[in-house]
C-alpha atoms as a PDB file:
ATOM      1  CA  UNK A   1       0.000   0.000   0.000  1.00  0.00           C
ATOM      2  CA  UNK A   2       2.868   2.400   0.721  1.00  0.00           C
ATOM      3  CA  UNK A   3       3.741   2.298  -2.988  1.00  0.00           C
ATOM      4  CA  UNK A   4       0.544   4.075  -4.004  1.00  0.00           C
ATOM      5  CA  UNK A   5       1.187   7.816  -4.589  1.00  0.00           C
ATOM      6  CA  UNK A   6      -2.285   8.829  -3.390  1.00  0.00           C
ATOM      7  CA  UNK A   7      -3.642  10.612  -0.383  1.00  0.00           C
ATOM      8  CA  UNK A   8      -5.166   8.460   2.327  1.00  0.00           C
ATOM      9  CA  UNK A   9      -8.710   9.830   1.828  1.00  0.00           C
ATOM     10  CA  UNK A  10      -8.485   9.143  -1.915  1.00  0.00           C
ATOM     11  CA  UNK A  11      -7.356   5.574  -1.283  1.00  0.00           C
ATOM     12  CA  UNK A  12     -10.386   5.022   0.931  1.00  0.00           C
ATOM     13  CA  UNK A  13     -12.657   6.030  -1.929  1.00  0.00           C
ATOM     14  CA  UNK A  14     -10.794   3.889  -4.480  1.00  0.00           C
ATOM     15  CA  UNK A  15     -11.140   0.905  -2.152  1.00  0.00           C
ATOM     16  CA  UNK A  16     -14.841   1.653  -1.767  1.00  0.00           C
ATOM     17  CA  UNK A  17     -15.223   1.797  -5.566  1.00  0.00           C
ATOM     18  CA  UNK A  18     -13.568  -1.602  -5.874  1.00  0.00           C
ATOM     19  CA  UNK A  19     -15.552  -3.258  -3.076  1.00  0.00           C
ATOM     20  CA  UNK A  20     -18.992  -2.030  -4.155  1.00  0.00           C
ATOM     21  CA  UNK A  21     -18.504  -2.733  -7.861  1.00  0.00           C
ATOM     22  CA  UNK A  22     -17.134  -6.246  -7.213  1.00  0.00           C
ATOM     23  CA  UNK A  23     -19.680  -7.419  -4.641  1.00  0.00           C
ATOM     24  CA  UNK A  24     -22.844  -5.545  -5.605  1.00  0.00           C
ATOM     25  CA  UNK A  25     -22.264  -5.597  -9.352  1.00  0.00           C
ATOM     26  CA  UNK A  26     -23.268  -1.950  -9.781  1.00  0.00           C
ATOM     27  CA  UNK A  27     -21.492   1.254  -8.768  1.00  0.00           C
ATOM     28  CA  UNK A  28     -22.799   4.806  -9.187  1.00  0.00           C
ATOM     29  CA  UNK A  29     -21.564   8.223  -8.177  1.00  0.00           C
ATOM     30  CA  UNK A  30     -24.408   8.173  -5.656  1.00  0.00           C
ATOM     31  CA  UNK A  31     -22.639   5.462  -3.669  1.00  0.00           C
ATOM     32  CA  UNK A  32     -19.654   7.758  -3.156  1.00  0.00           C
ATOM     33  CA  UNK A  33     -21.611  10.935  -2.491  1.00  0.00           C
ATOM     34  CA  UNK A  34     -23.709   9.273   0.218  1.00  0.00           C
ATOM     35  CA  UNK A  35     -20.825   7.465   1.887  1.00  0.00           C
ATOM     36  CA  UNK A  36     -18.177  10.191   1.858  1.00  0.00           C
ATOM     37  CA  UNK A  37     -20.233  13.377   1.696  1.00  0.00           C
ATOM     38  CA  UNK A  38     -18.575  14.548  -1.522  1.00  0.00           C
ATOM     39  CA  UNK A  39     -20.140  16.156  -4.588  1.00  0.00           C
ATOM     40  CA  UNK A  40     -21.155  14.258  -7.696  1.00  0.00           C
ATOM     41  CA  UNK A  41     -18.364  15.889  -9.704  1.00  0.00           C
ATOM     42  CA  UNK A  42     -15.709  14.691  -7.246  1.00  0.00           C
ATOM     43  CA  UNK A  43     -17.263  11.213  -7.196  1.00  0.00           C
ATOM     44  CA  UNK A  44     -17.112  11.039 -10.981  1.00  0.00           C
ATOM     45  CA  UNK A  45     -13.490  12.190 -10.884  1.00  0.00           C
ATOM     46  CA  UNK A  46     -12.625   9.463  -8.356  1.00  0.00           C
ATOM     47  CA  UNK A  47     -14.162   6.785 -10.578  1.00  0.00           C
ATOM     48  CA  UNK A  48     -12.258   8.085 -13.609  1.00  0.00           C
ATOM     49  CA  UNK A  49      -8.965   8.082 -11.684  1.00  0.00           C
ATOM     50  CA  UNK A  50      -9.639   4.516 -10.568  1.00  0.00           C
ATOM     51  CA  UNK A  51     -10.316   3.525 -14.191  1.00  0.00           C
ATOM     52  CA  UNK A  52      -7.360   5.401 -15.615  1.00  0.00           C
ATOM     53  CA  UNK A  53      -4.622   4.922 -12.992  1.00  0.00           C
ATOM     54  CA  UNK A  54      -5.583   2.247 -10.477  1.00  0.00           C
ATOM     55  CA  UNK A  55      -7.211  -0.579 -12.420  1.00  0.00           C
ATOM     56  CA  UNK A  56      -7.833   0.031 -16.126  1.00  0.00           C
ATOM     57  CA  UNK A  57     -10.465  -2.364 -17.438  1.00  0.00           C
ATOM     58  CA  UNK A  58     -11.731  -3.487 -14.026  1.00  0.00           C
ATOM     59  CA  UNK A  59     -15.101  -1.759 -14.401  1.00  0.00           C
ATOM     60  CA  UNK A  60     -17.084  -0.337 -17.289  1.00  0.00           C
ATOM     61  CA  UNK A  61     -20.215   1.785 -17.619  1.00  0.00           C
ATOM     62  CA  UNK A  62     -23.415  -0.090 -18.435  1.00  0.00           C
ATOM     63  CA  UNK A  63     -26.131   2.182 -19.805  1.00  0.00           C
ATOM     64  CA  UNK A  64     -28.839  -0.352 -18.953  1.00  0.00           C
ATOM     65  CA  UNK A  65     -27.724  -0.601 -15.321  1.00  0.00           C
ATOM     66  CA  UNK A  66     -27.048   3.148 -15.274  1.00  0.00           C
ATOM     67  CA  UNK A  67     -23.866   2.433 -13.405  1.00  0.00           C
ATOM     68  CA  UNK A  68     -20.488   0.736 -13.540  1.00  0.00           C
ATOM     69  CA  UNK A  69     -20.260  -3.041 -13.468  1.00  0.00           C
ATOM     70  CA  UNK A  70     -17.202  -5.282 -12.900  1.00  0.00           C
ATOM     71  CA  UNK A  71     -15.571  -6.851 -15.909  1.00  0.00           C
ATOM     72  CA  UNK A  72     -15.244 -10.626 -16.258  1.00  0.00           C
ATOM     73  CA  UNK A  73     -11.471 -10.401 -15.727  1.00  0.00           C
ATOM     74  CA  UNK A  74     -11.753  -8.105 -12.690  1.00  0.00           C
ATOM     75  CA  UNK A  75      -8.567  -8.146 -10.590  1.00  0.00           C
ATOM     76  CA  UNK A  76      -8.545  -6.468  -7.140  1.00  0.00           C
ATOM     77  CA  UNK A  77      -5.894  -3.764  -6.962  1.00  0.00           C
ATOM     78  CA  UNK A  78      -6.476  -1.874  -3.699  1.00  0.00           C
ATOM     79  CA  UNK A  79      -8.361  -4.616  -1.824  1.00  0.00           C
ATOM     80  CA  UNK A  80      -7.874  -8.302  -1.209  1.00  0.00           C
ATOM     81  CA  UNK A  81     -11.083  -9.157  -3.053  1.00  0.00           C
ATOM     82  CA  UNK A  82     -12.554 -11.085  -0.106  1.00  0.00           C
ATOM     83  CA  UNK A  83     -16.205 -11.200   0.871  1.00  0.00           C
ATOM     84  CA  UNK A  84     -15.354 -10.124   4.420  1.00  0.00           C
ATOM     85  CA  UNK A  85     -14.296  -6.704   3.124  1.00  0.00           C
ATOM     86  CA  UNK A  86     -17.755  -6.078   1.727  1.00  0.00           C
ATOM     87  CA  UNK A  87     -19.643  -7.681   4.594  1.00  0.00           C
ATOM     88  CA  UNK A  88     -17.803  -5.730   7.253  1.00  0.00           C
ATOM     89  CA  UNK A  89     -18.228  -2.557   5.247  1.00  0.00           C
ATOM     90  CA  UNK A  90     -21.975  -3.079   5.335  1.00  0.00           C
ATOM     91  CA  UNK A  91     -21.974  -3.844   9.058  1.00  0.00           C
ATOM     92  CA  UNK A  92     -19.806  -0.842   9.923  1.00  0.00           C
ATOM     93  CA  UNK A  93     -21.318   1.805   7.692  1.00  0.00           C
ATOM     94  CA  UNK A  94     -20.605   4.461  10.293  1.00  0.00           C
ATOM     95  CA  UNK A  95     -17.160   3.106  11.183  1.00  0.00           C
ATOM     96  CA  UNK A  96     -15.486   2.699   7.805  1.00  0.00           C
ATOM     97  CA  UNK A  97     -12.040   2.607   9.327  1.00  0.00           C
ATOM     98  CA  UNK A  98     -12.814  -0.912  10.519  1.00  0.00           C
ATOM     99  CA  UNK A  99     -12.731  -2.065   6.888  1.00  0.00           C
ATOM    100  CA  UNK A 100      -9.436  -0.536   5.856  1.00  0.00           C
ATOM    101  CA  UNK A 101      -6.927  -2.100   8.260  1.00  0.00           C
ATOM    102  CA  UNK A 102      -4.395  -2.593   5.459  1.00  0.00           C
ATOM    103  CA  UNK A 103      -3.764   1.128   4.963  1.00  0.00           C
ATOM    104  CA  UNK A 104      -0.402   2.403   6.307  1.00  0.00           C
ATOM    105  CA  UNK A 105      -1.807   4.497   9.165  1.00  0.00           C
ATOM    106  CA  UNK A 106      -0.043   5.811  12.229  1.00  0.00           C
ATOM    107  CA  UNK A 107      -2.424   4.993  15.067  1.00  0.00           C
ATOM    108  CA  UNK A 108      -2.409   4.248  18.785  1.00  0.00           C
ATOM    109  CA  UNK A 109      -1.044   0.946  20.052  1.00  0.00           C
ATOM    110  CA  UNK A 110      -4.117  -1.156  19.397  1.00  0.00           C
ATOM    111  CA  UNK A 111      -4.356  -4.751  18.251  1.00  0.00           C
ATOM    112  CA  UNK A 112      -7.593  -6.526  17.358  1.00  0.00           C
ATOM    113  CA  UNK A 113      -8.190 -10.273  17.121  1.00  0.00           C
ATOM    114  CA  UNK A 114     -10.595 -11.146  14.329  1.00  0.00           C
ATOM    115  CA  UNK A 115     -12.015 -14.501  13.246  1.00  0.00           C
ATOM    116  CA  UNK A 116     -10.490 -16.020  10.092  1.00  0.00           C
ATOM    117  CA  UNK A 117     -12.251 -15.087   6.895  1.00  0.00           C
ATOM    118  CA  UNK A 118     -14.411 -17.704   5.216  1.00  0.00           C
ATOM    119  CA  UNK A 119     -14.402 -18.131   1.467  1.00  0.00           C
ATOM    120  CA  UNK A 120     -17.447 -16.671  -0.315  1.00  0.00           C
ATOM    121  CA  UNK A 121     -17.417 -16.021  -4.054  1.00  0.00           C
ATOM    122  CA  UNK A 122     -18.932 -12.990  -5.838  1.00  0.00           C
ATOM    123  CA  UNK A 123     -21.046 -15.395  -7.925  1.00  0.00           C
ATOM    124  CA  UNK A 124     -22.835 -16.318  -4.683  1.00  0.00           C
ATOM    125  CA  UNK A 125     -22.857 -13.103  -2.678  1.00  0.00           C
ATOM    126  CA  UNK A 126     -23.704 -10.672  -5.475  1.00  0.00           C
ATOM    127  CA  UNK A 127     -27.003 -12.313  -6.570  1.00  0.00           C
ATOM    128  CA  UNK A 128     -27.859 -12.992  -2.922  1.00  0.00           C
ATOM    129  CA  UNK A 129     -27.676  -9.282  -2.110  1.00  0.00           C
ATOM    130  CA  UNK A 130     -29.721  -8.445  -5.193  1.00  0.00           C
ATOM    131  CA  UNK A 131     -32.340 -11.088  -4.347  1.00  0.00           C
ATOM    132  CA  UNK A 132     -32.619  -9.860  -0.757  1.00  0.00           C
ATOM    133  CA  UNK A 133     -33.227  -6.294  -1.875  1.00  0.00           C
ATOM    134  CA  UNK A 134     -35.808  -7.282  -4.478  1.00  0.00           C
ATOM    135  CA  UNK A 135     -37.483 -10.123  -2.510  1.00  0.00           C
ATOM    136  CA  UNK A 136     -36.564 -12.634  -5.195  1.00  0.00           C
ATOM    137  CA  UNK A 137     -36.253 -16.425  -5.088  1.00  0.00           C
ATOM    138  CA  UNK A 138     -32.695 -17.684  -5.432  1.00  0.00           C
ATOM    139  CA  UNK A 139     -31.626 -21.097  -6.736  1.00  0.00           C
ATOM    140  CA  UNK A 140     -28.395 -22.235  -5.085  1.00  0.00           C
ATOM    141  CA  UNK A 141     -26.372 -25.309  -4.125  1.00  0.00           C
ATOM    142  CA  UNK A 142     -25.694 -25.777  -0.416  1.00  0.00           C
ATOM    143  CA  UNK A 143     -23.678 -28.182   1.728  1.00  0.00           C
ATOM    144  CA  UNK A 144     -23.923 -28.865   5.448  1.00  0.00           C
ATOM    145  CA  UNK A 145     -22.284 -31.168   7.970  1.00  0.00           C
ATOM    146  CA  UNK A 146     -25.355 -33.418   7.808  1.00  0.00           C
ATOM    147  CA  UNK A 147     -25.446 -33.308   3.993  1.00  0.00           C
ATOM    148  CA  UNK A 148     -21.875 -32.694   2.713  1.00  0.00           C
ATOM    149  CA  UNK A 149     -22.884 -33.425  -0.886  1.00  0.00           C
ATOM    150  CA  UNK A 150     -24.130 -30.432  -2.867  1.00  0.00           C
ATOM    151  CA  UNK A 151     -27.871 -30.090  -2.634  1.00  0.00           C
ATOM    152  CA  UNK A 152     -30.018 -27.745  -4.700  1.00  0.00           C
ATOM    153  CA  UNK A 153     -32.058 -25.273  -2.691  1.00  0.00           C
ATOM    154  CA  UNK A 154     -34.418 -22.444  -3.502  1.00  0.00           C
ATOM    155  CA  UNK A 155     -34.316 -19.743  -0.858  1.00  0.00           C
ATOM    156  CA  UNK A 156     -35.606 -16.199  -0.442  1.00  0.00           C
ATOM    157  CA  UNK A 157     -32.893 -14.260   1.436  1.00  0.00           C
ATOM    158  CA  UNK A 158     -33.768 -11.168   3.435  1.00  0.00           C
ATOM    159  CA  UNK A 159     -30.832 -10.290   5.757  1.00  0.00           C
ATOM    160  CA  UNK A 160     -27.102 -10.974   6.056  1.00  0.00           C
ATOM    161  CA  UNK A 161     -26.044 -11.512   9.670  1.00  0.00           C
ATOM    162  CA  UNK A 162     -22.612 -11.441  11.324  1.00  0.00           C
ATOM    163  CA  UNK A 163     -22.651 -13.476  14.541  1.00  0.00           C
ATOM    164  CA  UNK A 164     -19.244 -12.337  15.762  1.00  0.00           C
ATOM    165  CA  UNK A 165     -17.623 -15.451  14.316  1.00  0.00           C
ATOM    166  CA  UNK A 166     -19.087 -15.982  10.855  1.00  0.00           C
ATOM    167  CA  UNK A 167     -21.626 -14.666   8.350  1.00  0.00           C
ATOM    168  CA  UNK A 168     -24.926 -16.289   7.504  1.00  0.00           C
ATOM    169  CA  UNK A 169     -28.032 -15.311   5.582  1.00  0.00           C
ATOM    170  CA  UNK A 170     -31.538 -15.431   7.000  1.00  0.00           C
ATOM    171  CA  UNK A 171     -33.834 -16.786   4.317  1.00  0.00           C
ATOM    172  CA  UNK A 172     -37.059 -18.588   3.549  1.00  0.00           C
ATOM    173  CA  UNK A 173     -36.297 -22.175   2.516  1.00  0.00           C
ATOM    174  CA  UNK A 174     -38.735 -23.779   0.103  1.00  0.00           C
ATOM    175  CA  UNK A 175     -37.522 -27.272   0.981  1.00  0.00           C
ATOM    176  CA  UNK A 176     -38.205 -26.853   4.711  1.00  0.00           C
ATOM    177  CA  UNK A 177     -41.111 -24.440   4.245  1.00  0.00           C
ATOM    178  CA  UNK A 178     -39.727 -22.131   6.895  1.00  0.00           C
ATOM    179  CA  UNK A 179     -37.124 -19.479   7.628  1.00  0.00           C
ATOM    180  CA  UNK A 180     -33.603 -20.789   8.251  1.00  0.00           C
ATOM    181  CA  UNK A 181     -30.030 -19.583   8.755  1.00  0.00           C
ATOM    182  CA  UNK A 182     -27.588 -20.542   5.989  1.00  0.00           C
ATOM    183  CA  UNK A 183     -23.818 -20.173   6.448  1.00  0.00           C
ATOM    184  CA  UNK A 184     -22.481 -18.092   3.550  1.00  0.00           C
ATOM    185  CA  UNK A 185     -19.293 -20.123   3.098  1.00  0.00           C
ATOM    186  CA  UNK A 186     -21.312 -23.311   2.522  1.00  0.00           C
ATOM    187  CA  UNK A 187     -22.932 -22.198  -0.715  1.00  0.00           C
ATOM    188  CA  UNK A 188     -21.397 -23.655  -3.858  1.00  0.00           C
ATOM    189  CA  UNK A 189     -21.326 -22.868  -7.577  1.00  0.00           C
ATOM    190  CA  UNK A 190     -23.315 -19.952  -8.914  1.00  0.00           C
ATOM    191  CA  UNK A 191     -26.636 -18.616  -7.704  1.00  0.00           C
ATOM    192  CA  UNK A 192     -29.485 -17.866 -10.100  1.00  0.00           C
ATOM    193  CA  UNK A 193     -32.085 -15.203  -9.374  1.00  0.00           C
ATOM    194  CA  UNK A 194     -35.631 -16.330 -10.114  1.00  0.00           C
ATOM    195  CA  UNK A 195     -38.999 -14.626  -9.765  1.00  0.00           C
ATOM    196  CA  UNK A 196     -40.465 -12.567  -6.923  1.00  0.00           C
ATOM    197  CA  UNK A 197     -41.565 -14.387  -3.755  1.00  0.00           C
ATOM    198  CA  UNK A 198     -44.381 -13.770  -1.304  1.00  0.00           C
ATOM    199  CA  UNK A 199     -42.094 -14.730   1.595  1.00  0.00           C
ATOM    200  CA  UNK A 200     -40.250 -11.759   3.056  1.00  0.00           C
ATOM    201  CA  UNK A 201     -38.760 -10.420   6.257  1.00  0.00           C
ATOM    202  CA  UNK A 202     -42.170  -9.236   7.453  1.00  0.00           C
ATOM    203  CA  UNK A 203     -43.357 -12.880   7.607  1.00  0.00           C
ATOM    204  CA  UNK A 204     -40.364 -14.106   9.610  1.00  0.00           C
ATOM    205  CA  UNK A 205     -41.927 -14.081  13.083  1.00  0.00           C
ATOM    206  CA  UNK A 206     -38.817 -15.164  14.994  1.00  0.00           C
ATOM    207  CA  UNK A 207     -36.837 -12.452  13.229  1.00  0.00           C
ATOM    208  CA  UNK A 208     -39.391  -9.735  14.013  1.00  0.00           C
ATOM    209  CA  UNK A 209     -39.856 -10.711  17.673  1.00  0.00           C
ATOM    210  CA  UNK A 210     -37.556  -8.961  20.140  1.00  0.00           C
ATOM    211  CA  UNK A 211     -36.518 -10.761  23.329  1.00  0.00           C
ATOM    212  CA  UNK A 212     -34.582  -9.629  26.402  1.00  0.00           C
ATOM    213  CA  UNK A 213     -31.606 -11.714  27.508  1.00  0.00           C
ATOM    214  CA  UNK A 214     -30.977 -11.021  31.208  1.00  0.00           C
ATOM    215  CA  UNK A 215     -27.486 -11.777  32.517  1.00  0.00           C
ATOM    216  CA  UNK A 216     -26.259 -11.549  36.119  1.00  0.00           C
ATOM    217  CA  UNK A 217     -22.949 -12.337  37.862  1.00  0.00           C
ATOM    218  CA  UNK A 218     -22.547 -15.979  38.808  1.00  0.00           C
ATOM    219  CA  UNK A 219     -24.118 -16.215  42.296  1.00  0.00           C
ATOM    220  CA  UNK A 220     -21.364 -18.648  43.357  1.00  0.00           C
ATOM    221  CA  UNK A 221     -18.905 -15.737  43.342  1.00  0.00           C
ATOM    222  CA  UNK A 222     -18.353 -13.605  46.419  1.00  0.00           C
ATOM    223  CA  UNK A 223     -20.146 -10.278  46.664  1.00  0.00           C
ATOM    224  CA  UNK A 224     -16.929  -8.423  45.899  1.00  0.00           C
ATOM    225  CA  UNK A 225     -16.247 -10.641  42.889  1.00  0.00           C
ATOM    226  CA  UNK A 226     -19.799 -10.129  41.628  1.00  0.00           C
ATOM    227  CA  UNK A 227     -19.284  -6.363  41.920  1.00  0.00           C
ATOM    228  CA  UNK A 228     -16.175  -6.628  39.712  1.00  0.00           C
ATOM    229  CA  UNK A 229     -18.090  -8.606  37.060  1.00  0.00           C
ATOM    230  CA  UNK A 230     -21.042  -6.198  37.209  1.00  0.00           C
ATOM    231  CA  UNK A 231     -18.675  -3.302  36.528  1.00  0.00           C
ATOM    232  CA  UNK A 232     -16.923  -5.210  33.714  1.00  0.00           C
ATOM    233  CA  UNK A 233     -20.235  -5.721  31.896  1.00  0.00           C
ATOM    234  CA  UNK A 234     -21.670  -2.281  32.671  1.00  0.00           C
ATOM    235  CA  UNK A 235     -24.554  -3.826  34.599  1.00  0.00           C
ATOM    236  CA  UNK A 236     -27.250  -1.681  36.159  1.00  0.00           C
ATOM    237  CA  UNK A 237     -28.572  -2.911  39.486  1.00  0.00           C
ATOM    238  CA  UNK A 238     -26.541  -6.088  39.114  1.00  0.00           C
ATOM    239  CA  UNK A 239     -28.137  -7.123  35.809  1.00  0.00           C
ATOM    240  CA  UNK A 240     -27.361  -6.755  32.121  1.00  0.00           C
ATOM    241  CA  UNK A 241     -30.298  -6.717  29.712  1.00  0.00           C
ATOM    242  CA  UNK A 242     -29.583  -7.385  26.038  1.00  0.00           C
ATOM    243  CA  UNK A 243     -32.475  -6.910  23.649  1.00  0.00           C
ATOM    244  CA  UNK A 244     -32.120  -8.999  20.491  1.00  0.00           C
ATOM    245  CA  UNK A 245     -34.101 -10.767  17.816  1.00  0.00           C
ATOM    246  CA  UNK A 246     -35.435 -14.147  18.897  1.00  0.00           C
ATOM    247  CA  UNK A 247     -33.614 -15.917  16.084  1.00  0.00           C
ATOM    248  CA  UNK A 248     -30.290 -14.382  17.194  1.00  0.00           C
ATOM    249  CA  UNK A 249     -30.491 -15.415  20.858  1.00  0.00           C
ATOM    250  CA  UNK A 250     -28.183 -18.425  20.470  1.00  0.00           C
ATOM    251  CA  UNK A 251     -25.516 -16.370  18.707  1.00  0.00           C
ATOM    252  CA  UNK A 252     -25.654 -13.721  21.426  1.00  0.00           C
ATOM    253  CA  UNK A 253     -25.177 -16.410  24.075  1.00  0.00           C
ATOM    254  CA  UNK A 254     -22.191 -17.791  22.146  1.00  0.00           C
ATOM    255  CA  UNK A 255     -20.592 -14.332  22.208  1.00  0.00           C
ATOM    256  CA  UNK A 256     -21.123 -14.268  25.974  1.00  0.00           C
ATOM    257  CA  UNK A 257     -19.624 -17.791  26.151  1.00  0.00           C
ATOM    258  CA  UNK A 258     -22.783 -18.934  27.906  1.00  0.00           C
ATOM    259  CA  UNK A 259     -24.077 -22.485  27.518  1.00  0.00           C
ATOM    260  CA  UNK A 260     -27.761 -22.366  28.500  1.00  0.00           C
ATOM    261  CA  UNK A 261     -27.795 -26.139  29.134  1.00  0.00           C
ATOM    262  CA  UNK A 262     -24.864 -26.438  31.529  1.00  0.00           C
ATOM    263  CA  UNK A 263     -22.583 -24.417  33.760  1.00  0.00           C
ATOM    264  CA  UNK A 264     -18.844 -24.581  34.259  1.00  0.00           C
ATOM    265  CA  UNK A 265     -17.569 -26.025  37.510  1.00  0.00           C
ATOM    266  CA  UNK A 266     -15.383 -23.011  38.164  1.00  0.00           C
ATOM    267  CA  UNK A 267     -17.442 -19.847  38.803  1.00  0.00           C
ATOM    268  CA  UNK A 268     -14.358 -17.730  38.094  1.00  0.00           C
ATOM    269  CA  UNK A 269     -14.429 -19.117  34.540  1.00  0.00           C
ATOM    270  CA  UNK A 270     -18.228 -18.879  34.228  1.00  0.00           C
ATOM    271  CA  UNK A 271     -18.472 -15.307  35.617  1.00  0.00           C
ATOM    272  CA  UNK A 272     -22.044 -14.695  34.395  1.00  0.00           C
ATOM    273  CA  UNK A 273     -25.249 -16.725  34.183  1.00  0.00           C
ATOM    274  CA  UNK A 274     -28.631 -16.437  32.510  1.00  0.00           C
ATOM    275  CA  UNK A 275     -31.391 -15.160  34.762  1.00  0.00           C
ATOM    276  CA  UNK A 276     -34.302 -15.791  32.381  1.00  0.00           C
ATOM    277  CA  UNK A 277     -33.409 -19.089  30.731  1.00  0.00           C
ATOM    278  CA  UNK A 278     -37.000 -20.400  30.887  1.00  0.00           C
ATOM    279  CA  UNK A 279     -38.215 -17.392  28.897  1.00  0.00           C
ATOM    280  CA  UNK A 280     -35.627 -18.117  26.187  1.00  0.00           C
ATOM    281  CA  UNK A 281     -36.357 -21.851  26.045  1.00  0.00           C
ATOM    282  CA  UNK A 282     -38.492 -21.829  22.836  1.00  0.00           C
ATOM    283  CA  UNK A 283     -35.552 -20.483  20.808  1.00  0.00           C
ATOM    284  CA  UNK A 284     -32.598 -22.349  22.318  1.00  0.00           C
ATOM    285  CA  UNK A 285     -30.793 -25.084  20.477  1.00  0.00           C
ATOM    286  CA  UNK A 286     -28.135 -27.383  21.842  1.00  0.00           C
END
């Protein structure tokens, strides 16, 4: 990166151009103006510089799309070309710096541990995003630990979700006749967008329902130890209340390292426990 003779703010925009065009399949000046607060003229200039100096031939204007699309021989020049770059960009739309760790910045002494990236191809993610936005059916191949052989599925995706460890898509599954979570890295081949579906986010009851997860310090700890834990977690009145979607309860518990079906022998390792496990029971899986 230190070989690029461009200002840091310009490099951010060139990276954004590359990420959006590769993973969404359509880039407009509007993407840049909304994200960076620049004028349309500057956005157009940035795209032209990217085309002329950064990656000639990577994108081209499509008059039918009314935007720039990636070429078939697209080669990432200022990104790694991984799905995680796009997915984290979408999840941190107000914290864009979280996406651009590779830039040569002089910052405070901070180190962040992140989960390893999982392989997702543009031929899967791009149509999935388009189908989710248009409420379209999507024909895909999927593998799982129970069914490691490729299996054709027709799903209707509505939301991409990052659990803290991996990405999945929440979607209606025609095979199971219900909404399911599908791990993005387990899709195979190419996805084909079909017609519009009647099944959307508004019909996903477990997604729409909000539930409180109530966490308290492990009562086996001493009062002083419980006070330390309560401060660590920013508890109010000795409790921490996390409001989340019903379908995301298990992922939230995994982030808290809480097993709702058992407790660790050592309370110093457990630290916190669920106070309202019975209320969460309908949505828990082992």
